[in-house]
């Protein structure tokens, strides 16, 4: 059985809340996030078996397609993606630090997944849209070569949709900073 994550974004809050309800009633999925984000859009992130996630997204598209900005499904997400998304990743030490930003939330999910699958890195956090005018970012740690490869891969993934905003690689972040990242 394949796991999947989907992210859907709606033009209005009312359409988004209604779509989240439709998704939950259509298939056996978990709603990971359902919230208003700047500038007045609504973001839904769901997880479950690929078939259930696909059915839920299609049901929402059928009822709310005219108000849906986008919906993307990611099959077989990296095992560290959910821990970073929930802020529960267990990171003991930050070696090199990678920070990656996108203009939107959907691209961030795909870019972070690609980065984590490219090299041996630990995803620290994925922050989607809220309080950031719709932008998103991810932080990760690992050896400098791994971070460089992961950030390069994330940038290439985000470049496909033109949503790459910025990135940084810090070889050895100061301990005074590290405590705010974990």
Foldseek 3Di string as FASTA:
>chain_A
DKKKKKKWKFQALVLQVVLVVQLVVFAPKAWPDWQAFPPHMIMTMIMDHPVSNVRSVVRSCVVRVVGIPDMDMGIRFDPQLVCQAVQNFDDDDAAKKKKWKWQAFVLQRVLQRQLVVFAPKHKRHWAARHPPNHMIMTMIGDAQVSNVRSRVSSVVSRVVVPTTDDMDMGRGDDPVVVVVRD
